[in-house]
Amino acid sequence: MAKRTGEKYKAIIEAAVKVIAENGYHNSQVAKIAKEAGVADGTIYLYFKNKEDLLISLFRVKMGEFVASARQELRSLSNPFEQLAKLISLHFSRLQENRHLALVLQIELRQSDASIRSGIAAPLKEYFNIIDDVVNEGVRLDAFRRDVNPKLVRQMIFGTMDEVATSWVMSQRHYKLTDQIKPVYSLLAQALAREGKFRPFPNHVLNNAG
């Protein structure tokens, strides 16, 4: 099997995102993905064992890119409220920028087999670690409540963003996912903040969101 790098590898990943988003995972034949990527059918198997391996790899690549970007962006922010706002902004902005990717992440992966869900567990854990770091920093700096269960808080933060994103993908109405950044921040930050410590949304973390 070829190394999982190079232009063809990237082209296949991007093609898989588009084809799976438009046709659904089970209706996305390898031949369709190969045609979209501009490679021969057999080339797919030089990089991936099968379609399942391709879907898992797609998630690992895209989640890996997001985690690396998020860690870099959050590193410059020492205030936990800013970090929380930035994380929500990055999460929603990234999905809004690529609706095909959003469809795959929010819809297709939910309908996948147990083996696929197992395969994406590790990269998802890396994202959970980022959330844990933000929460722990907030508690350490006495900005967030201490009487919270860290695991539960992580589930609430990720679960809220995830559900809002899924509703956006499935909605028949046309609206910006990024319009939900501030409301979601307000909800989560007020729930986490110690009495008198809540901070309004820091607009400077938005960058180009929206």
N, C-alpha and C. Protein backbone atom coordinates (compact mmCIF):
# COMPACT_ATOMS: atom_id res chain seq x y z
N MET A 1 0.85 -1.20 0.00
CA MET A 1 0.00 0.00 0.00
C MET A 1 0.89 1.25 0.00
N ALA A 2 0.56 2.20 -0.86
CA ALA A 2 1.35 3.43 -0.97
C ALA A 2 1.25 4.27 0.30
N LYS A 3 2.25 5.14 0.48
CA LYS A 3 2.20 6.05 1.63
C LYS A 3 1.00 6.98 1.48
N ARG A 4 0.40 7.30 2.60
CA ARG A 4 -0.81 8.13 2.56
C ARG A 4 -0.45 9.60 2.54
N THR A 5 0.22 9.97 1.46
CA THR A 5 0.60 11.36 1.23
C THR A 5 0.56 11.61 -0.28
N GLY A 6 0.77 12.83 -0.67
CA GLY A 6 0.86 13.14 -2.09
C GLY A 6 -0.43 13.69 -2.68
N GLU A 7 -0.31 14.17 -3.90
CA GLU A 7 -1.44 14.82 -4.57
C GLU A 7 -2.60 13.86 -4.85
N LYS A 8 -2.28 12.62 -5.26
CA LYS A 8 -3.34 11.67 -5.57
C LYS A 8 -4.11 11.30 -4.30
N TYR A 9 -3.39 11.13 -3.21
CA TYR A 9 -4.05 10.81 -1.94
C TYR A 9 -5.01 11.94 -1.55
N LYS A 10 -4.55 13.16 -1.64
CA LYS A 10 -5.39 14.31 -1.30
C LYS A 10 -6.59 14.41 -2.24
N ALA A 11 -6.34 14.14 -3.53
CA ALA A 11 -7.42 14.22 -4.51
C ALA A 11 -8.50 13.18 -4.23
N ILE A 12 -8.10 12.00 -3.82
CA ILE A 12 -9.06 10.94 -3.51
C ILE A 12 -9.88 11.30 -2.28
N ILE A 13 -9.23 11.85 -1.27
CA ILE A 13 -9.93 12.27 -0.06
C ILE A 13 -10.99 13.32 -0.40
N GLU A 14 -10.60 14.34 -1.17
CA GLU A 14 -11.53 15.40 -1.53
C GLU A 14 -12.66 14.87 -2.41
N ALA A 15 -12.33 13.96 -3.30
CA ALA A 15 -13.35 13.36 -4.16
C ALA A 15 -14.34 12.55 -3.32
N ALA A 16 -13.83 11.84 -2.34
CA ALA A 16 -14.70 11.03 -1.47
C ALA A 16 -15.67 11.92 -0.71
N VAL A 17 -15.21 13.05 -0.23
CA VAL A 17 -16.09 13.99 0.48
C VAL A 17 -17.25 14.39 -0.43
N LYS A 18 -16.95 14.78 -1.65
CA LYS A 18 -17.97 15.25 -2.59
C LYS A 18 -18.94 14.13 -2.98
N VAL A 19 -18.39 12.98 -3.35
CA VAL A 19 -19.23 11.88 -3.83
C VAL A 19 -20.12 11.33 -2.72
N ILE A 20 -19.56 11.15 -1.53
CA ILE A 20 -20.35 10.62 -0.41
C ILE A 20 -21.42 11.61 0.02
N ALA A 21 -21.09 12.90 0.00
CA ALA A 21 -22.07 13.92 0.37
C ALA A 21 -23.24 13.93 -0.61
N GLU A 22 -22.95 13.75 -1.89
CA GLU A 22 -23.99 13.83 -2.91
C GLU A 22 -24.78 12.55 -3.09
N ASN A 23 -24.17 11.41 -2.78
CA ASN A 23 -24.82 10.12 -3.05
C ASN A 23 -25.11 9.27 -1.82
N GLY A 24 -24.52 9.65 -0.68
CA GLY A 24 -24.63 8.80 0.50
C GLY A 24 -23.53 7.76 0.49
N TYR A 25 -23.12 7.33 1.65
CA TYR A 25 -21.99 6.39 1.75
C TYR A 25 -22.26 5.09 1.01
N HIS A 26 -23.42 4.50 1.24
CA HIS A 26 -23.70 3.18 0.67
C HIS A 26 -23.90 3.22 -0.84
N ASN A 27 -24.24 4.37 -1.40
CA ASN A 27 -24.41 4.49 -2.84
C ASN A 27 -23.19 5.09 -3.54
N SER A 28 -22.11 5.24 -2.81
CA SER A 28 -20.89 5.82 -3.37
C SER A 28 -19.89 4.72 -3.72
N GLN A 29 -19.97 4.24 -4.94
CA GLN A 29 -19.04 3.20 -5.37
C GLN A 29 -17.63 3.77 -5.51
N VAL A 30 -16.66 2.90 -5.32
CA VAL A 30 -15.26 3.29 -5.47
C VAL A 30 -15.02 3.87 -6.86
N ALA A 31 -15.68 3.31 -7.85
CA ALA A 31 -15.51 3.80 -9.23
C ALA A 31 -15.93 5.26 -9.36
N LYS A 32 -17.01 5.64 -8.67
CA LYS A 32 -17.47 7.04 -8.70
C LYS A 32 -16.42 7.96 -8.07
N ILE A 33 -15.86 7.51 -6.96
CA ILE A 33 -14.86 8.33 -6.27
C ILE A 33 -13.60 8.45 -7.13
N ALA A 34 -13.20 7.35 -7.75
CA ALA A 34 -12.02 7.38 -8.61
C ALA A 34 -12.22 8.33 -9.79
N LYS A 35 -13.40 8.29 -10.40
CA LYS A 35 -13.69 9.17 -11.53
C LYS A 35 -13.64 10.63 -11.10
N GLU A 36 -14.23 10.94 -9.94
CA GLU A 36 -14.22 12.31 -9.43
C GLU A 36 -12.80 12.78 -9.14
N ALA A 37 -11.96 11.86 -8.66
CA ALA A 37 -10.57 12.20 -8.32
C ALA A 37 -9.67 12.24 -9.54
N GLY A 38 -10.16 11.70 -10.66
CA GLY A 38 -9.35 11.69 -11.87
C GLY A 38 -8.28 10.62 -11.86
N VAL A 39 -8.56 9.50 -11.19
CA VAL A 39 -7.59 8.40 -11.13
C VAL A 39 -8.28 7.10 -11.55
N ALA A 40 -7.48 6.09 -11.85
CA ALA A 40 -8.02 4.78 -12.19
C ALA A 40 -8.59 4.12 -10.94
N ASP A 41 -9.59 3.25 -11.13
CA ASP A 41 -10.22 2.57 -9.99
C ASP A 41 -9.18 1.90 -9.10
N GLY A 42 -8.23 1.22 -9.73
CA GLY A 42 -7.22 0.48 -8.97
C GLY A 42 -6.33 1.36 -8.13
N THR A 43 -6.22 2.63 -8.51
CA THR A 43 -5.36 3.55 -7.74
C THR A 43 -5.89 3.73 -6.32
N ILE A 44 -7.20 3.69 -6.17
CA ILE A 44 -7.81 3.83 -4.84
C ILE A 44 -7.22 2.80 -3.89
N TYR A 45 -7.06 1.58 -4.40
CA TYR A 45 -6.61 0.47 -3.55
C TYR A 45 -5.12 0.50 -3.26
N LEU A 46 -4.41 1.41 -3.90
CA LEU A 46 -3.00 1.61 -3.56
C LEU A 46 -2.88 2.38 -2.24
N TYR A 47 -3.95 3.13 -1.91
CA TYR A 47 -3.93 3.97 -0.71
C TYR A 47 -4.88 3.49 0.38
N PHE A 48 -5.95 2.79 -0.01
CA PHE A 48 -6.97 2.39 0.94
C PHE A 48 -7.34 0.92 0.75
N LYS A 49 -7.62 0.24 1.85
CA LYS A 49 -7.99 -1.18 1.79
C LYS A 49 -9.33 -1.36 1.09
N ASN A 50 -10.28 -0.49 1.40
CA ASN A 50 -11.63 -0.58 0.86
C ASN A 50 -12.34 0.75 1.12
N LYS A 51 -13.62 0.81 0.79
CA LYS A 51 -14.38 2.05 0.96
C LYS A 51 -14.50 2.44 2.43
N GLU A 52 -14.62 1.45 3.30
CA GLU A 52 -14.70 1.72 4.74
C GLU A 52 -13.42 2.40 5.22
N ASP A 53 -12.29 1.89 4.78
CA ASP A 53 -10.99 2.47 5.14
C ASP A 53 -10.89 3.90 4.62
N LEU A 54 -11.45 4.14 3.46
CA LEU A 54 -11.43 5.48 2.87
C LEU A 54 -12.25 6.45 3.71
N LEU A 55 -13.44 6.04 4.15
CA LEU A 55 -14.27 6.91 4.97
C LEU A 55 -13.58 7.23 6.31
N ILE A 56 -12.98 6.21 6.93
CA ILE A 56 -12.27 6.43 8.19
C ILE A 56 -11.10 7.38 7.97
N SER A 57 -10.36 7.16 6.88
CA SER A 57 -9.21 8.01 6.58
C SER A 57 -9.63 9.44 6.31
N LEU A 58 -10.75 9.59 5.62
CA LEU A 58 -11.30 10.92 5.36
C LEU A 58 -11.54 11.66 6.67
N PHE A 59 -12.17 10.98 7.61
CA PHE A 59 -12.45 11.61 8.90
C PHE A 59 -11.16 11.95 9.64
N ARG A 60 -10.20 11.02 9.62
CA ARG A 60 -8.93 11.26 10.31
C ARG A 60 -8.19 12.46 9.74
N VAL A 61 -8.19 12.57 8.42
CA VAL A 61 -7.51 13.69 7.77
C VAL A 61 -8.19 15.01 8.12
N LYS A 62 -9.50 15.06 7.94
CA LYS A 62 -10.22 16.30 8.17
C LYS A 62 -10.24 16.69 9.65
N MET A 63 -10.42 15.72 10.53
CA MET A 63 -10.40 16.02 11.95
C MET A 63 -8.99 16.40 12.40
N GLY A 64 -8.00 15.74 11.82
CA GLY A 64 -6.61 16.08 12.15
C GLY A 64 -6.28 17.50 11.76
N GLU A 65 -6.75 17.92 10.59
CA GLU A 65 -6.52 19.30 10.14
C GLU A 65 -7.19 20.29 11.09
N PHE A 66 -8.42 19.97 11.49
CA PHE A 66 -9.16 20.86 12.37
C PHE A 66 -8.49 20.96 13.74
N VAL A 67 -8.10 19.83 14.31
CA VAL A 67 -7.48 19.82 15.63
C VAL A 67 -6.18 20.61 15.63
N ALA A 68 -5.36 20.42 14.59
CA ALA A 68 -4.10 21.15 14.50
C ALA A 68 -4.34 22.65 14.41
N SER A 69 -5.32 23.03 13.59
CA SER A 69 -5.65 24.45 13.44
C SER A 69 -6.20 25.03 14.73
N ALA A 70 -7.09 24.29 15.39
CA ALA A 70 -7.70 24.77 16.63
C ALA A 70 -6.65 24.95 17.72
N ARG A 71 -5.75 23.99 17.85
CA ARG A 71 -4.71 24.10 18.88
C ARG A 71 -3.85 25.34 18.65
N GLN A 72 -3.52 25.60 17.40
CA GLN A 72 -2.71 26.76 17.09
C GLN A 72 -3.44 28.06 17.40
N GLU A 73 -4.71 28.11 17.04
CA GLU A 73 -5.51 29.32 17.26
C GLU A 73 -5.73 29.57 18.76
N LEU A 74 -5.98 28.51 19.51
CA LEU A 74 -6.28 28.66 20.94
C LEU A 74 -5.03 28.99 21.75
N ARG A 75 -3.88 28.62 21.21
CA ARG A 75 -2.62 28.83 21.95
C ARG A 75 -2.37 30.30 22.27
N SER A 76 -2.86 31.17 21.41
CA SER A 76 -2.61 32.61 21.61
C SER A 76 -3.62 33.26 22.55
N LEU A 77 -4.59 32.47 23.03
CA LEU A 77 -5.64 33.01 23.91
C LEU A 77 -5.49 32.44 25.30
N SER A 78 -5.30 33.29 26.28
CA SER A 78 -5.11 32.82 27.64
C SER A 78 -6.40 32.85 28.46
N ASN A 79 -7.40 33.58 27.97
CA ASN A 79 -8.67 33.68 28.68
C ASN A 79 -9.58 32.53 28.26
N PRO A 80 -10.09 31.75 29.20
CA PRO A 80 -10.91 30.59 28.85
C PRO A 80 -12.21 30.94 28.14
N PHE A 81 -12.78 32.12 28.40
CA PHE A 81 -13.99 32.53 27.70
C PHE A 81 -13.66 32.81 26.22
N GLU A 82 -12.51 33.40 25.97
CA GLU A 82 -12.08 33.62 24.59
C GLU A 82 -11.82 32.29 23.90
N GLN A 83 -11.23 31.36 24.62
CA GLN A 83 -10.95 30.04 24.05
C GLN A 83 -12.25 29.31 23.68
N LEU A 84 -13.22 29.37 24.55
CA LEU A 84 -14.51 28.74 24.29
C LEU A 84 -15.17 29.37 23.07
N ALA A 85 -15.16 30.70 23.01
CA ALA A 85 -15.76 31.41 21.89
C ALA A 85 -15.04 31.07 20.59
N LYS A 86 -13.73 31.01 20.64
CA LYS A 86 -12.94 30.69 19.44
C LYS A 86 -13.24 29.27 18.97
N LEU A 87 -13.35 28.32 19.89
CA LEU A 87 -13.61 26.93 19.53
C LEU A 87 -14.97 26.80 18.83
N ILE A 88 -15.98 27.45 19.36
CA ILE A 88 -17.31 27.42 18.74
C ILE A 88 -17.25 28.06 17.36
N SER A 89 -16.53 29.18 17.27
CA SER A 89 -16.40 29.89 16.00
C SER A 89 -15.71 29.01 14.95
N LEU A 90 -14.64 28.35 15.34
CA LEU A 90 -13.91 27.48 14.40
C LEU A 90 -14.76 26.30 13.97
N HIS A 91 -15.47 25.70 14.90
CA HIS A 91 -16.30 24.53 14.62
C HIS A 91 -17.37 24.86 13.58
N PHE A 92 -18.11 25.93 13.82
CA PHE A 92 -19.20 26.30 12.92
C PHE A 92 -18.69 26.86 11.59
N SER A 93 -17.62 27.63 11.65
CA SER A 93 -17.09 28.23 10.42
C SER A 93 -16.57 27.17 9.47
N ARG A 94 -15.87 26.18 10.01
CA ARG A 94 -15.30 25.13 9.16
C ARG A 94 -16.40 24.34 8.44
N LEU A 95 -17.45 24.03 9.15
CA LEU A 95 -18.54 23.28 8.53
C LEU A 95 -19.29 24.13 7.50
N GLN A 96 -19.50 25.39 7.81
CA GLN A 96 -20.20 26.27 6.88
C GLN A 96 -19.41 26.46 5.58
N GLU A 97 -18.09 26.50 5.70
CA GLU A 97 -17.24 26.70 4.52
C GLU A 97 -17.30 25.52 3.55
N ASN A 98 -17.64 24.34 4.03
CA ASN A 98 -17.63 23.15 3.17
C ASN A 98 -18.86 22.30 3.50
N ARG A 99 -19.96 22.58 2.80
CA ARG A 99 -21.21 21.88 3.10
C ARG A 99 -21.11 20.38 2.79
N HIS A 100 -20.34 20.03 1.77
CA HIS A 100 -20.15 18.62 1.47
C HIS A 100 -19.52 17.90 2.66
N LEU A 101 -18.49 18.52 3.22
CA LEU A 101 -17.84 17.93 4.39
C LEU A 101 -18.81 17.87 5.56
N ALA A 102 -19.60 18.91 5.73
CA ALA A 102 -20.57 18.93 6.82
C ALA A 102 -21.57 17.79 6.69
N LEU A 103 -22.03 17.54 5.47
CA LEU A 103 -22.96 16.44 5.24
C LEU A 103 -22.36 15.09 5.60
N VAL A 104 -21.10 14.89 5.23
CA VAL A 104 -20.44 13.63 5.54
C VAL A 104 -20.25 13.46 7.04
N LEU A 105 -19.77 14.52 7.70
CA LEU A 105 -19.48 14.43 9.13
C LEU A 105 -20.75 14.33 9.98
N GLN A 106 -21.77 15.09 9.61
CA GLN A 106 -22.96 15.17 10.45
C GLN A 106 -24.01 14.11 10.13
N ILE A 107 -24.02 13.64 8.89
CA ILE A 107 -25.07 12.70 8.48
C ILE A 107 -24.52 11.31 8.18
N GLU A 108 -23.61 11.20 7.24
CA GLU A 108 -23.17 9.89 6.77
C GLU A 108 -22.44 9.08 7.83
N LEU A 109 -21.62 9.74 8.64
CA LEU A 109 -20.89 9.00 9.67
C LEU A 109 -21.83 8.48 10.76
N ARG A 110 -23.00 9.11 10.93
CA ARG A 110 -23.96 8.67 11.94
C ARG A 110 -24.64 7.37 11.52
N GLN A 111 -24.65 7.10 10.21
CA GLN A 111 -25.32 5.91 9.70
C GLN A 111 -24.33 4.78 9.42
N SER A 112 -23.09 4.98 9.81
CA SER A 112 -22.05 4.02 9.48
C SER A 112 -22.05 2.81 10.43
N ASP A 113 -21.30 1.79 10.04
CA ASP A 113 -21.19 0.57 10.82
C ASP A 113 -20.37 0.79 12.08
N ALA A 114 -20.49 -0.15 13.00
CA ALA A 114 -19.76 -0.06 14.27
C ALA A 114 -18.26 0.00 14.04
N SER A 115 -17.76 -0.71 13.04
CA SER A 115 -16.32 -0.73 12.77
C SER A 115 -15.83 0.64 12.33
N ILE A 116 -16.67 1.38 11.61
CA ILE A 116 -16.30 2.73 11.19
C ILE A 116 -16.31 3.66 12.39
N ARG A 117 -17.34 3.56 13.22
CA ARG A 117 -17.40 4.40 14.42
C ARG A 117 -16.20 4.13 15.33
N SER A 118 -15.77 2.88 15.38
CA SER A 118 -14.59 2.54 16.17
C SER A 118 -13.34 3.17 15.57
N GLY A 119 -13.28 3.19 14.24
CA GLY A 119 -12.11 3.73 13.55
C GLY A 119 -11.93 5.22 13.70
N ILE A 120 -13.03 5.95 13.93
CA ILE A 120 -12.94 7.41 14.06
C ILE A 120 -12.82 7.85 15.52
N ALA A 121 -12.80 6.89 16.43
CA ALA A 121 -12.78 7.22 17.87
C ALA A 121 -11.52 7.98 18.28
N ALA A 122 -10.37 7.56 17.76
CA ALA A 122 -9.10 8.18 18.17
C ALA A 122 -9.00 9.65 17.78
N PRO A 123 -9.26 10.01 16.51
CA PRO A 123 -9.20 11.44 16.16
C PRO A 123 -10.26 12.27 16.87
N LEU A 124 -11.42 11.68 17.13
CA LEU A 124 -12.45 12.40 17.87
C LEU A 124 -12.00 12.67 19.29
N LYS A 125 -11.26 11.73 19.86
CA LYS A 125 -10.74 11.90 21.23
C LYS A 125 -9.79 13.08 21.29
N GLU A 126 -9.04 13.32 20.21
CA GLU A 126 -8.13 14.47 20.17
C GLU A 126 -8.91 15.78 20.26
N TYR A 127 -10.08 15.81 19.64
CA TYR A 127 -10.93 16.99 19.73
C TYR A 127 -11.47 17.13 21.15
N PHE A 128 -11.87 16.03 21.74
CA PHE A 128 -12.35 16.06 23.12
C PHE A 128 -11.27 16.59 24.06
N ASN A 129 -10.03 16.25 23.78
CA ASN A 129 -8.92 16.71 24.62
C ASN A 129 -8.81 18.23 24.60
N ILE A 130 -9.08 18.83 23.43
CA ILE A 130 -9.05 20.29 23.33
C ILE A 130 -10.13 20.90 24.21
N ILE A 131 -11.32 20.33 24.14
CA ILE A 131 -12.42 20.83 24.98
C ILE A 131 -12.06 20.69 26.45
N ASP A 132 -11.50 19.54 26.81
CA ASP A 132 -11.08 19.32 28.20
C ASP A 132 -10.08 20.37 28.64
N ASP A 133 -9.14 20.71 27.76
CA ASP A 133 -8.11 21.70 28.10
C ASP A 133 -8.74 23.06 28.38
N VAL A 134 -9.72 23.44 27.57
CA VAL A 134 -10.39 24.73 27.76
C VAL A 134 -11.13 24.75 29.09
N VAL A 135 -11.85 23.68 29.38
CA VAL A 135 -12.61 23.61 30.63
C VAL A 135 -11.68 23.60 31.84
N ASN A 136 -10.64 22.80 31.77
CA ASN A 136 -9.69 22.72 32.89
C ASN A 136 -9.00 24.05 33.14
N GLU A 137 -8.69 24.76 32.06
CA GLU A 137 -8.05 26.07 32.21
C GLU A 137 -9.02 27.06 32.86
N GLY A 138 -10.28 26.97 32.48
CA GLY A 138 -11.28 27.86 33.08
C GLY A 138 -11.44 27.61 34.56
N VAL A 139 -11.41 26.35 34.96
CA VAL A 139 -11.51 26.01 36.39
C VAL A 139 -10.25 26.47 37.12
N ARG A 140 -9.09 26.24 36.50
CA ARG A 140 -7.82 26.61 37.13
C ARG A 140 -7.72 28.10 37.39
N LEU A 141 -8.24 28.89 36.46
CA LEU A 141 -8.18 30.34 36.57
C LEU A 141 -9.35 30.91 37.37
N ASP A 142 -10.18 30.03 37.91
CA ASP A 142 -11.30 30.43 38.74
C ASP A 142 -12.36 31.20 37.95
N ALA A 143 -12.39 30.96 36.63
CA ALA A 143 -13.39 31.60 35.78
C ALA A 143 -14.61 30.71 35.63
N PHE A 144 -14.39 29.39 35.60
CA PHE A 144 -15.48 28.42 35.48
C PHE A 144 -15.77 27.78 36.83
N ARG A 145 -16.98 27.34 36.98
CA ARG A 145 -17.40 26.68 38.22
C ARG A 145 -16.55 25.44 38.49
N ARG A 146 -16.33 25.20 39.76
CA ARG A 146 -15.56 24.02 40.16
C ARG A 146 -16.44 22.80 40.41
N ASP A 147 -17.73 23.03 40.59
CA ASP A 147 -18.65 21.94 40.94
C ASP A 147 -19.24 21.29 39.68
N VAL A 148 -18.38 21.08 38.68
CA VAL A 148 -18.86 20.48 37.44
C VAL A 148 -18.10 19.19 37.18
N ASN A 149 -18.76 18.28 36.51
CA ASN A 149 -18.12 17.03 36.09
C ASN A 149 -17.48 17.29 34.74
N PRO A 150 -16.14 17.24 34.65
CA PRO A 150 -15.45 17.58 33.40
C PRO A 150 -15.93 16.77 32.20
N LYS A 151 -16.16 15.49 32.39
CA LYS A 151 -16.63 14.65 31.29
C LYS A 151 -18.01 15.08 30.82
N LEU A 152 -18.89 15.39 31.77
CA LEU A 152 -20.24 15.84 31.43
C LEU A 152 -20.19 17.18 30.70
N VAL A 153 -19.34 18.08 31.17
CA VAL A 153 -19.21 19.39 30.53
C VAL A 153 -18.72 19.23 29.10
N ARG A 154 -17.75 18.36 28.90
CA ARG A 154 -17.25 18.10 27.55
C ARG A 154 -18.35 17.59 26.64
N GLN A 155 -19.14 16.67 27.17
CA GLN A 155 -20.25 16.12 26.38
C GLN A 155 -21.27 17.20 26.05
N MET A 156 -21.51 18.09 26.99
CA MET A 156 -22.48 19.16 26.77
C MET A 156 -21.97 20.16 25.73
N ILE A 157 -20.70 20.51 25.79
CA ILE A 157 -20.13 21.47 24.83
C ILE A 157 -20.13 20.87 23.43
N PHE A 158 -19.56 19.68 23.30
CA PHE A 158 -19.50 19.05 21.98
C PHE A 158 -20.91 18.72 21.48
N GLY A 159 -21.73 18.17 22.37
CA GLY A 159 -23.08 17.78 21.98
C GLY A 159 -23.91 18.94 21.51
N THR A 160 -23.77 20.09 22.15
CA THR A 160 -24.51 21.28 21.74
C THR A 160 -24.08 21.73 20.35
N MET A 161 -22.77 21.85 20.14
CA MET A 161 -22.27 22.26 18.82
C MET A 161 -22.67 21.26 17.75
N ASP A 162 -22.57 19.99 18.08
CA ASP A 162 -22.87 18.92 17.13
C ASP A 162 -24.34 18.94 16.73
N GLU A 163 -25.22 19.10 17.69
CA GLU A 163 -26.66 19.10 17.40
C GLU A 163 -27.06 20.33 16.59
N VAL A 164 -26.49 21.48 16.92
CA VAL A 164 -26.79 22.70 16.18
C VAL A 164 -26.32 22.56 14.73
N ALA A 165 -25.13 21.97 14.55
CA ALA A 165 -24.60 21.77 13.20
C ALA A 165 -25.44 20.77 12.41
N THR A 166 -25.89 19.71 13.05
CA THR A 166 -26.72 18.71 12.37
C THR A 166 -28.06 19.32 11.95
N SER A 167 -28.64 20.11 12.82
CA SER A 167 -29.92 20.77 12.49
C SER A 167 -29.75 21.70 11.30
N TRP A 168 -28.62 22.38 11.24
CA TRP A 168 -28.33 23.29 10.12
C TRP A 168 -28.21 22.50 8.81
N VAL A 169 -27.47 21.39 8.84
CA VAL A 169 -27.28 20.58 7.64
C VAL A 169 -28.61 20.03 7.12
N MET A 170 -29.47 19.61 8.04
CA MET A 170 -30.72 18.96 7.65
C MET A 170 -31.86 19.94 7.36
N SER A 171 -31.67 21.19 7.74
CA SER A 171 -32.75 22.17 7.59
C SER A 171 -33.05 22.49 6.13
N GLN A 172 -34.32 22.70 5.84
CA GLN A 172 -34.74 23.13 4.51
C GLN A 172 -34.64 24.65 4.37
N ARG A 173 -34.45 25.33 5.49
CA ARG A 173 -34.30 26.78 5.46
C ARG A 173 -32.85 27.14 5.17
N HIS A 174 -32.63 28.29 4.56
CA HIS A 174 -31.28 28.74 4.28
C HIS A 174 -30.86 29.78 5.32
N TYR A 175 -29.93 29.42 6.14
CA TYR A 175 -29.40 30.37 7.13
C TYR A 175 -27.94 30.01 7.40
N LYS A 176 -27.23 30.94 8.00
CA LYS A 176 -25.81 30.72 8.26
C LYS A 176 -25.62 29.99 9.59
N LEU A 177 -24.83 28.95 9.55
CA LEU A 177 -24.49 28.26 10.79
C LEU A 177 -23.72 29.20 11.72
N THR A 178 -22.92 30.08 11.13
CA THR A 178 -22.13 31.00 11.94
C THR A 178 -22.99 32.00 12.72
N ASP A 179 -24.25 32.16 12.32
CA ASP A 179 -25.14 33.03 13.09
C ASP A 179 -25.46 32.44 14.46
N GLN A 180 -25.15 31.17 14.63
CA GLN A 180 -25.42 30.49 15.90
C GLN A 180 -24.24 30.55 16.87
N ILE A 181 -23.13 31.10 16.43
CA ILE A 181 -21.93 31.13 17.27
C ILE A 181 -22.18 31.87 18.59
N LYS A 182 -22.68 33.09 18.50
CA LYS A 182 -22.88 33.89 19.71
C LYS A 182 -23.95 33.32 20.64
N PRO A 183 -25.10 32.89 20.12
CA PRO A 183 -26.10 32.29 21.01
C PRO A 183 -25.60 31.04 21.73
N VAL A 184 -24.86 30.19 21.01
CA VAL A 184 -24.34 28.97 21.63
C VAL A 184 -23.29 29.32 22.68
N TYR A 185 -22.44 30.30 22.36
CA TYR A 185 -21.45 30.74 23.35
C TYR A 185 -22.14 31.24 24.61
N SER A 186 -23.13 32.11 24.44
CA SER A 186 -23.83 32.69 25.59
C SER A 186 -24.43 31.60 26.48
N LEU A 187 -25.06 30.62 25.85
CA LEU A 187 -25.67 29.52 26.60
C LEU A 187 -24.63 28.75 27.40
N LEU A 188 -23.55 28.35 26.74
CA LEU A 188 -22.53 27.52 27.39
C LEU A 188 -21.70 28.31 28.41
N ALA A 189 -21.32 29.52 28.03
CA ALA A 189 -20.47 30.32 28.92
C ALA A 189 -21.20 30.71 30.20
N GLN A 190 -22.48 31.04 30.10
CA GLN A 190 -23.23 31.39 31.30
C GLN A 190 -23.43 30.18 32.21
N ALA A 191 -23.56 29.01 31.60
CA ALA A 191 -23.71 27.79 32.40
C ALA A 191 -22.41 27.44 33.12
N LEU A 192 -21.28 27.76 32.51
CA LEU A 192 -19.98 27.39 33.07
C LEU A 192 -19.41 28.43 34.04
N ALA A 193 -19.76 29.69 33.83
CA ALA A 193 -19.11 30.78 34.56
C ALA A 193 -19.41 30.75 36.06
N ARG A 194 -18.38 31.05 36.84
CA ARG A 194 -18.60 31.26 38.27
C ARG A 194 -19.40 32.55 38.44
N GLU A 195 -20.06 32.69 39.56
CA GLU A 195 -20.89 33.87 39.80
C GLU A 195 -20.06 35.14 39.64
N GLY A 196 -20.55 36.01 38.79
CA GLY A 196 -19.88 37.29 38.57
C GLY A 196 -18.71 37.24 37.60
N LYS A 197 -18.42 36.08 37.03
CA LYS A 197 -17.25 35.94 36.15
C LYS A 197 -17.61 35.86 34.66
N PHE A 198 -18.89 35.78 34.33
CA PHE A 198 -19.27 35.64 32.93
C PHE A 198 -18.76 36.82 32.10
N ARG A 199 -18.29 36.51 30.90
CA ARG A 199 -17.83 37.55 29.98
C ARG A 199 -18.64 37.48 28.68
N PRO A 200 -19.11 38.63 28.19
CA PRO A 200 -19.84 38.63 26.92
C PRO A 200 -18.96 38.12 25.79
N PHE A 201 -19.59 37.81 24.68
CA PHE A 201 -18.85 37.26 23.54
C PHE A 201 -17.75 38.20 23.10
N PRO A 202 -16.50 37.70 23.01
CA PRO A 202 -15.37 38.53 22.55
C PRO A 202 -15.33 38.56 21.03
N ASN A 203 -15.82 39.64 20.43
CA ASN A 203 -15.98 39.70 18.98
C ASN A 203 -14.67 39.54 18.22
N HIS A 204 -13.55 39.86 18.86
CA HIS A 204 -12.28 39.80 18.12
C HIS A 204 -11.86 38.37 17.76
N VAL A 205 -12.50 37.36 18.37
CA VAL A 205 -12.12 35.98 18.05
C VAL A 205 -12.80 35.47 16.79
N LEU A 206 -13.74 36.24 16.25
CA LEU A 206 -14.49 35.77 15.10
C LEU A 206 -13.65 35.64 13.84
N ASN A 207 -12.65 36.48 13.68
CA ASN A 207 -11.86 36.51 12.45
C ASN A 207 -12.79 36.68 11.25
N ASN A 208 -12.78 35.69 10.35
CA ASN A 208 -13.62 35.80 9.14
C ASN A 208 -14.89 34.97 9.25
N ALA A 209 -15.23 34.52 10.43
CA ALA A 209 -16.43 33.69 10.57
C ALA A 209 -17.65 34.47 10.12
N GLY A 210 -18.51 33.75 9.38
CA GLY A 210 -19.75 34.37 8.90
C GLY A 210 -19.60 35.06 7.58
